[in-house]
Amino acid sequence: MEQWAGTIIYLVFLFAIIYFLMIRPQKKQQQKRQEMMDSLKVNDAVVTIGGIHGRIIKIKDDNVTLRIADKVEVDFEKSAISRICGKEK
């Protein structure tokens, strides 16, 4: 019986380590990314996951339209936005 108790304690301890080293930081990172996606606004300068720099000119549901050059507009999924670089003043 004591052997099982030691095994169970070991498994609980191992799960706690995995939770605090892997699962919890990943959840925080996902929450931070979701907050960034929710805060996107028109005129924000952004970079896509493909490395394309542009400025948001239109936001519709899960899509954004970026102006990447004069008279060049491209539609992207919101999930394709990697980061916000700055805002137009």
PDB file of N, CA and C in Angstrom:
ATOM      1  N   MET A   1       0.805  -1.191   0.000  1.00  0.00           N
ATOM      2  CA  MET A   1       0.000   0.000   0.000  1.00  0.00           C
ATOM      3  C   MET A   1       0.856   1.266   0.000  1.00  0.00           C
ATOM      4  N   GLU A   2       1.949   1.229   0.763  1.00  0.00           N
ATOM      5  CA  GLU A   2       2.829   2.394   0.811  1.00  0.00           C
ATOM      6  C   GLU A   2       3.485   2.655  -0.544  1.00  0.00           C
ATOM      7  N   GLN A   3       3.696   1.601  -1.291  1.00  0.00           N
ATOM      8  CA  GLN A   3       4.303   1.746  -2.615  1.00  0.00           C
ATOM      9  C   GLN A   3       3.384   2.560  -3.526  1.00  0.00           C
ATOM     10  N   TRP A   4       2.077   2.306  -3.462  1.00  0.00           N
ATOM     11  CA  TRP A   4       1.132   3.055  -4.281  1.00  0.00           C
ATOM     12  C   TRP A   4       1.054   4.513  -3.858  1.00  0.00           C
ATOM     13  N   ALA A   5       1.115   4.757  -2.581  1.00  0.00           N
ATOM     14  CA  ALA A   5       1.062   6.129  -2.082  1.00  0.00           C
ATOM     15  C   ALA A   5       2.258   6.923  -2.585  1.00  0.00           C
ATOM     16  N   GLY A   6       3.424   6.306  -2.549  1.00  0.00           N
ATOM     17  CA  GLY A   6       4.623   6.984  -3.060  1.00  0.00           C
ATOM     18  C   GLY A   6       4.529   7.266  -4.547  1.00  0.00           C
ATOM     19  N   THR A   7       3.977   6.331  -5.316  1.00  0.00           N
ATOM     20  CA  THR A   7       3.808   6.510  -6.757  1.00  0.00           C
ATOM     21  C   THR A   7       2.821   7.634  -7.050  1.00  0.00           C
ATOM     22  N   ILE A   8       1.730   7.668  -6.312  1.00  0.00           N
ATOM     23  CA  ILE A   8       0.720   8.713  -6.526  1.00  0.00           C
ATOM     24  C   ILE A   8       1.297  10.082  -6.184  1.00  0.00           C
ATOM     25  N   ILE A   9       2.012  10.178  -5.093  1.00  0.00           N
ATOM     26  CA  ILE A   9       2.631  11.460  -4.722  1.00  0.00           C
ATOM     27  C   ILE A   9       3.631  11.887  -5.785  1.00  0.00           C
ATOM     28  N   TYR A  10       4.402  10.953  -6.298  1.00  0.00           N
ATOM     29  CA  TYR A  10       5.378  11.250  -7.350  1.00  0.00           C
ATOM     30  C   TYR A  10       4.668  11.765  -8.602  1.00  0.00           C
ATOM     31  N   LEU A  11       3.563  11.121  -9.010  1.00  0.00           N
ATOM     32  CA  LEU A  11       2.825  11.552 -10.198  1.00  0.00           C
ATOM     33  C   LEU A  11       2.201  12.933 -10.014  1.00  0.00           C
ATOM     34  N   VAL A  12       1.659  13.206  -8.838  1.00  0.00           N
ATOM     35  CA  VAL A  12       1.084  14.529  -8.558  1.00  0.00           C
ATOM     36  C   VAL A  12       2.174  15.596  -8.612  1.00  0.00           C
ATOM     37  N   PHE A  13       3.316  15.295  -8.039  1.00  0.00           N
ATOM     38  CA  PHE A  13       4.441  16.234  -8.066  1.00  0.00           C
ATOM     39  C   PHE A  13       4.913  16.472  -9.499  1.00  0.00           C
ATOM     40  N   LEU A  14       4.991  15.405 -10.306  1.00  0.00           N
ATOM     41  CA  LEU A  14       5.410  15.532 -11.706  1.00  0.00           C
ATOM     42  C   LEU A  14       4.408  16.365 -12.497  1.00  0.00           C
ATOM     43  N   PHE A  15       3.122  16.142 -12.289  1.00  0.00           N
ATOM     44  CA  PHE A  15       2.101  16.926 -12.979  1.00  0.00           C
ATOM     45  C   PHE A  15       2.180  18.397 -12.592  1.00  0.00           C
ATOM     46  N   ALA A  16       2.424  18.684 -11.313  1.00  0.00           N
ATOM     47  CA  ALA A  16       2.543  20.077 -10.863  1.00  0.00           C
ATOM     48  C   ALA A  16       3.717  20.768 -11.549  1.00  0.00           C
ATOM     49  N   ILE A  17       4.828  20.077 -11.681  1.00  0.00           N
ATOM     50  CA  ILE A  17       5.999  20.648 -12.365  1.00  0.00           C
ATOM     51  C   ILE A  17       5.666  20.930 -13.822  1.00  0.00           C
ATOM     52  N   ILE A  18       5.039  19.971 -14.497  1.00  0.00           N
ATOM     53  CA  ILE A  18       4.670  20.166 -15.906  1.00  0.00           C
ATOM     54  C   ILE A  18       3.716  21.344 -16.041  1.00  0.00           C
ATOM     55  N   TYR A  19       2.742  21.451 -15.136  1.00  0.00           N
ATOM     56  CA  TYR A  19       1.777  22.549 -15.202  1.00  0.00           C
ATOM     57  C   TYR A  19       2.474  23.898 -15.085  1.00  0.00           C
ATOM     58  N   PHE A  20       3.343  24.059 -14.096  1.00  0.00           N
ATOM     59  CA  PHE A  20       3.963  25.361 -13.860  1.00  0.00           C
ATOM     60  C   PHE A  20       5.066  25.696 -14.862  1.00  0.00           C
ATOM     61  N   LEU A  21       5.653  24.706 -15.502  1.00  0.00           N
ATOM     62  CA  LEU A  21       6.716  24.980 -16.465  1.00  0.00           C
ATOM     63  C   LEU A  21       6.233  25.047 -17.902  1.00  0.00           C
ATOM     64  N   MET A  22       5.102  24.422 -18.225  1.00  0.00           N
ATOM     65  CA  MET A  22       4.665  24.374 -19.614  1.00  0.00           C
ATOM     66  C   MET A  22       3.269  24.942 -19.846  1.00  0.00           C
ATOM     67  N   ILE A  23       2.298  24.451 -19.135  1.00  0.00           N
ATOM     68  CA  ILE A  23       0.910  24.798 -19.421  1.00  0.00           C
ATOM     69  C   ILE A  23       0.577  26.229 -19.011  1.00  0.00           C
ATOM     70  N   ARG A  24       0.955  26.625 -17.824  1.00  0.00           N
ATOM     71  CA  ARG A  24       0.627  27.970 -17.330  1.00  0.00           C
ATOM     72  C   ARG A  24       1.258  29.081 -18.178  1.00  0.00           C
ATOM     73  N   PRO A  25       2.564  29.012 -18.525  1.00  0.00           N
ATOM     74  CA  PRO A  25       3.129  30.064 -19.379  1.00  0.00           C
ATOM     75  C   PRO A  25       2.473  30.128 -20.757  1.00  0.00           C
ATOM     76  N   GLN A  26       2.079  28.972 -21.303  1.00  0.00           N
ATOM     77  CA  GLN A  26       1.427  28.960 -22.601  1.00  0.00           C
ATOM     78  C   GLN A  26       0.061  29.635 -22.526  1.00  0.00           C
ATOM     79  N   LYS A  27      -0.674  29.408 -21.466  1.00  0.00           N
ATOM     80  CA  LYS A  27      -1.969  30.066 -21.299  1.00  0.00           C
ATOM     81  C   LYS A  27      -1.810  31.577 -21.182  1.00  0.00           C
ATOM     82  N   LYS A  28      -0.791  32.020 -20.444  1.00  0.00           N
ATOM     83  CA  LYS A  28      -0.543  33.462 -20.316  1.00  0.00           C
ATOM     84  C   LYS A  28      -0.204  34.069 -21.668  1.00  0.00           C
ATOM     85  N   GLN A  29       0.608  33.361 -22.462  1.00  0.00           N
ATOM     86  CA  GLN A  29       0.995  33.851 -23.787  1.00  0.00           C
ATOM     87  C   GLN A  29      -0.233  33.928 -24.704  1.00  0.00           C
ATOM     88  N   GLN A  30      -1.114  32.928 -24.660  1.00  0.00           N
ATOM     89  CA  GLN A  30      -2.325  32.956 -25.466  1.00  0.00           C
ATOM     90  C   GLN A  30      -3.243  34.102 -25.057  1.00  0.00           C
ATOM     91  N   GLN A  31      -3.343  34.359 -23.763  1.00  0.00           N
ATOM     92  CA  GLN A  31      -4.177  35.450 -23.282  1.00  0.00           C
ATOM     93  C   GLN A  31      -3.623  36.796 -23.744  1.00  0.00           C
ATOM     94  N   LYS A  32      -2.310  36.958 -23.687  1.00  0.00           N
ATOM     95  CA  LYS A  32      -1.676  38.199 -24.123  1.00  0.00           C
ATOM     96  C   LYS A  32      -1.899  38.415 -25.622  1.00  0.00           C
ATOM     97  N   ARG A  33      -1.793  37.350 -26.418  1.00  0.00           N
ATOM     98  CA  ARG A  33      -2.018  37.452 -27.866  1.00  0.00           C
ATOM     99  C   ARG A  33      -3.468  37.822 -28.149  1.00  0.00           C
ATOM    100  N   GLN A  34      -4.412  37.232 -27.426  1.00  0.00           N
ATOM    101  CA  GLN A  34      -5.821  37.547 -27.631  1.00  0.00           C
ATOM    102  C   GLN A  34      -6.111  39.001 -27.288  1.00  0.00           C
ATOM    103  N   GLU A  35      -5.496  39.514 -26.231  1.00  0.00           N
ATOM    104  CA  GLU A  35      -5.663  40.928 -25.879  1.00  0.00           C
ATOM    105  C   GLU A  35      -5.122  41.827 -26.983  1.00  0.00           C
ATOM    106  N   MET A  36      -3.987  41.436 -27.584  1.00  0.00           N
ATOM    107  CA  MET A  36      -3.420  42.216 -28.690  1.00  0.00           C
ATOM    108  C   MET A  36      -4.374  42.204 -29.882  1.00  0.00           C
ATOM    109  N   MET A  37      -4.964  41.045 -30.188  1.00  0.00           N
ATOM    110  CA  MET A  37      -5.891  40.944 -31.320  1.00  0.00           C
ATOM    111  C   MET A  37      -7.140  41.793 -31.087  1.00  0.00           C
ATOM    112  N   ASP A  38      -7.616  41.807 -29.845  1.00  0.00           N
ATOM    113  CA  ASP A  38      -8.806  42.590 -29.522  1.00  0.00           C
ATOM    114  C   ASP A  38      -8.543  44.091 -29.538  1.00  0.00           C
ATOM    115  N   SER A  39      -7.295  44.495 -29.369  1.00  0.00           N
ATOM    116  CA  SER A  39      -6.976  45.920 -29.306  1.00  0.00           C
ATOM    117  C   SER A  39      -6.598  46.517 -30.669  1.00  0.00           C
ATOM    118  N   LEU A  40      -6.652  45.733 -31.735  1.00  0.00           N
ATOM    119  CA  LEU A  40      -6.314  46.264 -33.063  1.00  0.00           C
ATOM    120  C   LEU A  40      -7.279  47.365 -33.458  1.00  0.00           C
ATOM    121  N   LYS A  41      -6.725  48.461 -33.996  1.00  0.00           N
ATOM    122  CA  LYS A  41      -7.526  49.606 -34.420  1.00  0.00           C
ATOM    123  C   LYS A  41      -7.054  50.066 -35.797  1.00  0.00           C
ATOM    124  N   VAL A  42      -7.910  50.802 -36.462  1.00  0.00           N
ATOM    125  CA  VAL A  42      -7.540  51.411 -37.737  1.00  0.00           C
ATOM    126  C   VAL A  42      -6.355  52.354 -37.507  1.00  0.00           C
ATOM    127  N   ASN A  43      -5.422  52.383 -38.421  1.00  0.00           N
ATOM    128  CA  ASN A  43      -4.202  53.197 -38.421  1.00  0.00           C
ATOM    129  C   ASN A  43      -3.079  52.618 -37.565  1.00  0.00           C
ATOM    130  N   ASP A  44      -3.272  51.435 -36.983  1.00  0.00           N
ATOM    131  CA  ASP A  44      -2.163  50.778 -36.283  1.00  0.00           C
ATOM    132  C   ASP A  44      -1.195  50.217 -37.307  1.00  0.00           C
ATOM    133  N   ALA A  45       0.086  50.431 -37.077  1.00  0.00           N
ATOM    134  CA  ALA A  45       1.117  49.816 -37.920  1.00  0.00           C
ATOM    135  C   ALA A  45       1.380  48.426 -37.360  1.00  0.00           C
ATOM    136  N   VAL A  46       1.318  47.416 -38.218  1.00  0.00           N
ATOM    137  CA  VAL A  46       1.450  46.034 -37.771  1.00  0.00           C
ATOM    138  C   VAL A  46       2.430  45.271 -38.652  1.00  0.00           C
ATOM    139  N   VAL A  47       2.845  44.123 -38.145  1.00  0.00           N
ATOM    140  CA  VAL A  47       3.669  43.187 -38.905  1.00  0.00           C
ATOM    141  C   VAL A  47       2.936  41.857 -38.912  1.00  0.00           C
ATOM    142  N   THR A  48       2.834  41.225 -40.074  1.00  0.00           N
ATOM    143  CA  THR A  48       2.168  39.932 -40.163  1.00  0.00           C
ATOM    144  C   THR A  48       3.151  38.821 -39.823  1.00  0.00           C
ATOM    145  N   ILE A  49       2.635  37.603 -39.669  1.00  0.00           N
ATOM    146  CA  ILE A  49       3.512  36.476 -39.368  1.00  0.00           C
ATOM    147  C   ILE A  49       4.434  36.160 -40.537  1.00  0.00           C
ATOM    148  N   GLY A  50       4.113  36.665 -41.720  1.00  0.00           N
ATOM    149  CA  GLY A  50       4.972  36.490 -42.892  1.00  0.00           C
ATOM    150  C   GLY A  50       6.008  37.586 -43.032  1.00  0.00           C
ATOM    151  N   GLY A  51       5.979  38.575 -42.136  1.00  0.00           N
ATOM    152  CA  GLY A  51       6.958  39.652 -42.159  1.00  0.00           C
ATOM    153  C   GLY A  51       6.553  40.862 -42.973  1.00  0.00           C
ATOM    154  N   ILE A  52       5.306  40.930 -43.402  1.00  0.00           N
ATOM    155  CA  ILE A  52       4.830  42.074 -44.186  1.00  0.00           C
ATOM    156  C   ILE A  52       4.435  43.196 -43.238  1.00  0.00           C
ATOM    157  N   HIS A  53       4.993  44.381 -43.474  1.00  0.00           N
ATOM    158  CA  HIS A  53       4.677  45.563 -42.678  1.00  0.00           C
ATOM    159  C   HIS A  53       3.563  46.332 -43.377  1.00  0.00           C
ATOM    160  N   GLY A  54       2.603  46.800 -42.600  1.00  0.00           N
ATOM    161  CA  GLY A  54       1.521  47.566 -43.187  1.00  0.00           C
ATOM    162  C   GLY A  54       0.767  48.337 -42.123  1.00  0.00           C
ATOM    163  N   ARG A  55      -0.213  49.098 -42.588  1.00  0.00           N
ATOM    164  CA  ARG A  55      -1.056  49.883 -41.699  1.00  0.00           C
ATOM    165  C   ARG A  55      -2.498  49.440 -41.908  1.00  0.00           C
ATOM    166  N   ILE A  56      -3.206  49.219 -40.805  1.00  0.00           N
ATOM    167  CA  ILE A  56      -4.590  48.761 -40.885  1.00  0.00           C
ATOM    168  C   ILE A  56      -5.464  49.896 -41.401  1.00  0.00           C
ATOM    169  N   ILE A  57      -6.255  49.602 -42.438  1.00  0.00           N
ATOM    170  CA  ILE A  57      -7.176  50.612 -42.948  1.00  0.00           C
ATOM    171  C   ILE A  57      -8.637  50.200 -42.760  1.00  0.00           C
ATOM    172  N   LYS A  58      -8.877  48.889 -42.528  1.00  0.00           N
ATOM    173  CA  LYS A  58     -10.250  48.437 -42.328  1.00  0.00           C
ATOM    174  C   LYS A  58     -10.233  47.149 -41.502  1.00  0.00           C
ATOM    175  N   ILE A  59     -11.195  47.039 -40.591  1.00  0.00           N
ATOM    176  CA  ILE A  59     -11.333  45.830 -39.773  1.00  0.00           C
ATOM    177  C   ILE A  59     -12.763  45.319 -39.917  1.00  0.00           C
ATOM    178  N   LYS A  60     -12.885  44.050 -40.299  1.00  0.00           N
ATOM    179  CA  LYS A  60     -14.195  43.388 -40.395  1.00  0.00           C
ATOM    180  C   LYS A  60     -14.099  42.045 -39.693  1.00  0.00           C
ATOM    181  N   ASP A  61     -14.878  41.838 -38.669  1.00  0.00           N
ATOM    182  CA  ASP A  61     -14.932  40.563 -37.945  1.00  0.00           C
ATOM    183  C   ASP A  61     -13.543  39.959 -37.740  1.00  0.00           C
ATOM    184  N   ASP A  62     -13.211  38.904 -38.505  1.00  0.00           N
ATOM    185  CA  ASP A  62     -11.921  38.230 -38.355  1.00  0.00           C
ATOM    186  C   ASP A  62     -10.926  38.613 -39.444  1.00  0.00           C
ATOM    187  N   ASN A  63     -11.247  39.624 -40.251  1.00  0.00           N
ATOM    188  CA  ASN A  63     -10.361  40.057 -41.333  1.00  0.00           C
ATOM    189  C   ASN A  63      -9.909  41.493 -41.123  1.00  0.00           C
ATOM    190  N   VAL A  64      -8.703  41.783 -41.587  1.00  0.00           N
ATOM    191  CA  VAL A  64      -8.198  43.154 -41.593  1.00  0.00           C
ATOM    192  C   VAL A  64      -7.663  43.451 -42.981  1.00  0.00           C
ATOM    193  N   THR A  65      -7.777  44.696 -43.393  1.00  0.00           N
ATOM    194  CA  THR A  65      -7.206  45.132 -44.664  1.00  0.00           C
ATOM    195  C   THR A  65      -6.015  46.016 -44.332  1.00  0.00           C
ATOM    196  N   LEU A  66      -4.865  45.649 -44.887  1.00  0.00           N
ATOM    197  CA  LEU A  66      -3.634  46.402 -44.650  1.00  0.00           C
ATOM    198  C   LEU A  66      -3.224  47.144 -45.909  1.00  0.00           C
ATOM    199  N   ARG A  67      -2.741  48.362 -45.710  1.00  0.00           N
ATOM    200  CA  ARG A  67      -2.116  49.099 -46.811  1.00  0.00           C
ATOM    201  C   ARG A  67      -0.617  48.880 -46.657  1.00  0.00           C
ATOM    202  N   ILE A  68      -0.026  48.207 -47.642  1.00  0.00           N
ATOM    203  CA  ILE A  68       1.394  47.882 -47.561  1.00  0.00           C
ATOM    204  C   ILE A  68       2.242  48.789 -48.437  1.00  0.00           C
ATOM    205  N   ALA A  69       1.601  49.535 -49.335  1.00  0.00           N
ATOM    206  CA  ALA A  69       2.277  50.523 -50.175  1.00  0.00           C
ATOM    207  C   ALA A  69       1.190  51.445 -50.734  1.00  0.00           C
ATOM    208  N   ASP A  70       1.602  52.490 -51.443  1.00  0.00           N
ATOM    209  CA  ASP A  70       0.616  53.382 -52.040  1.00  0.00           C
ATOM    210  C   ASP A  70      -0.270  52.600 -52.994  1.00  0.00           C
ATOM    211  N   LYS A  71      -1.572  52.682 -52.778  1.00  0.00           N
ATOM    212  CA  LYS A  71      -2.582  52.036 -53.604  1.00  0.00           C
ATOM    213  C   LYS A  71      -2.483  50.507 -53.613  1.00  0.00           C
ATOM    214  N   VAL A  72      -1.843  49.929 -52.616  1.00  0.00           N
ATOM    215  CA  VAL A  72      -1.755  48.471 -52.510  1.00  0.00           C
ATOM    216  C   VAL A  72      -2.371  48.055 -51.171  1.00  0.00           C
ATOM    217  N   GLU A  73      -3.521  47.384 -51.263  1.00  0.00           N
ATOM    218  CA  GLU A  73      -4.226  46.935 -50.069  1.00  0.00           C
ATOM    219  C   GLU A  73      -4.391  45.430 -50.125  1.00  0.00           C
ATOM    220  N   VAL A  74      -4.137  44.770 -48.988  1.00  0.00           N
ATOM    221  CA  VAL A  74      -4.186  43.315 -48.919  1.00  0.00           C
ATOM    222  C   VAL A  74      -5.045  42.920 -47.721  1.00  0.00           C
ATOM    223  N   ASP A  75      -5.902  41.906 -47.920  1.00  0.00           N
ATOM    224  CA  ASP A  75      -6.728  41.391 -46.834  1.00  0.00           C
ATOM    225  C   ASP A  75      -6.013  40.238 -46.133  1.00  0.00           C
ATOM    226  N   PHE A  76      -6.088  40.234 -44.797  1.00  0.00           N
ATOM    227  CA  PHE A  76      -5.488  39.184 -43.978  1.00  0.00           C
ATOM    228  C   PHE A  76      -6.479  38.747 -42.921  1.00  0.00           C
ATOM    229  N   GLU A  77      -6.302  37.546 -42.416  1.00  0.00           N
ATOM    230  CA  GLU A  77      -7.013  37.106 -41.225  1.00  0.00           C
ATOM    231  C   GLU A  77      -6.401  37.845 -40.033  1.00  0.00           C
ATOM    232  N   LYS A  78      -7.189  38.116 -39.016  1.00  0.00           N
ATOM    233  CA  LYS A  78      -6.638  38.766 -37.816  1.00  0.00           C
ATOM    234  C   LYS A  78      -5.539  37.912 -37.193  1.00  0.00           C
ATOM    235  N   SER A  79      -5.688  36.607 -37.283  1.00  0.00           N
ATOM    236  CA  SER A  79      -4.696  35.715 -36.681  1.00  0.00           C
ATOM    237  C   SER A  79      -3.340  35.795 -37.374  1.00  0.00           C
ATOM    238  N   ALA A  80      -3.278  36.413 -38.561  1.00  0.00           N
ATOM    239  CA  ALA A  80      -2.012  36.568 -39.282  1.00  0.00           C
ATOM    240  C   ALA A  80      -1.206  37.760 -38.773  1.00  0.00           C
ATOM    241  N   ILE A  81      -1.783  38.565 -37.884  1.00  0.00           N
ATOM    242  CA  ILE A  81      -1.067  39.713 -37.332  1.00  0.00           C
ATOM    243  C   ILE A  81      -0.156  39.221 -36.212  1.00  0.00           C
ATOM    244  N   SER A  82       1.124  39.509 -36.367  1.00  0.00           N
ATOM    245  CA  SER A  82       2.106  39.050 -35.382  1.00  0.00           C
ATOM    246  C   SER A  82       2.265  40.043 -34.234  1.00  0.00           C
ATOM    247  N   ARG A  83       2.374  41.325 -34.593  1.00  0.00           N
ATOM    248  CA  ARG A  83       2.569  42.335 -33.539  1.00  0.00           C
ATOM    249  C   ARG A  83       2.176  43.707 -34.041  1.00  0.00           C
ATOM    250  N   ILE A  84       1.945  44.612 -33.107  1.00  0.00           N
ATOM    251  CA  ILE A  84       1.631  46.003 -33.404  1.00  0.00           C
ATOM    252  C   ILE A  84       2.922  46.798 -33.257  1.00  0.00           C
ATOM    253  N   CYS A  85       3.267  47.563 -34.286  1.00  0.00           N
ATOM    254  CA  CYS A  85       4.519  48.333 -34.250  1.00  0.00           C
ATOM    255  C   CYS A  85       4.326  49.733 -33.676  1.00  0.00           C
ATOM    256  N   GLY A  86       3.272  50.408 -34.064  1.00  0.00           N
ATOM    257  CA  GLY A  86       3.058  51.766 -33.597  1.00  0.00           C
ATOM    258  C   GLY A  86       1.740  52.277 -34.101  1.00  0.00           C
ATOM    259  N   LYS A  87       1.453  53.512 -33.741  1.00  0.00           N
ATOM    260  CA  LYS A  87       0.195  54.123 -34.149  1.00  0.00           C
ATOM    261  C   LYS A  87       0.470  55.459 -34.813  1.00  0.00           C
ATOM    262  N   GLU A  88      -0.399  55.803 -35.769  1.00  0.00           N
ATOM    263  CA  GLU A  88      -0.280  57.088 -36.453  1.00  0.00           C
ATOM    264  C   GLU A  88      -0.749  58.176 -35.521  1.00  0.00           C
ATOM    265  N   LYS A  89      -0.042  59.290 -35.499  1.00  0.00           N
ATOM    266  CA  LYS A  89      -0.408  60.392 -34.592  1.00  0.00           C
ATOM    267  C   LYS A  89      -1.204  61.437 -35.308  1.00  0.00           C
TER     268      LYS A  89
END
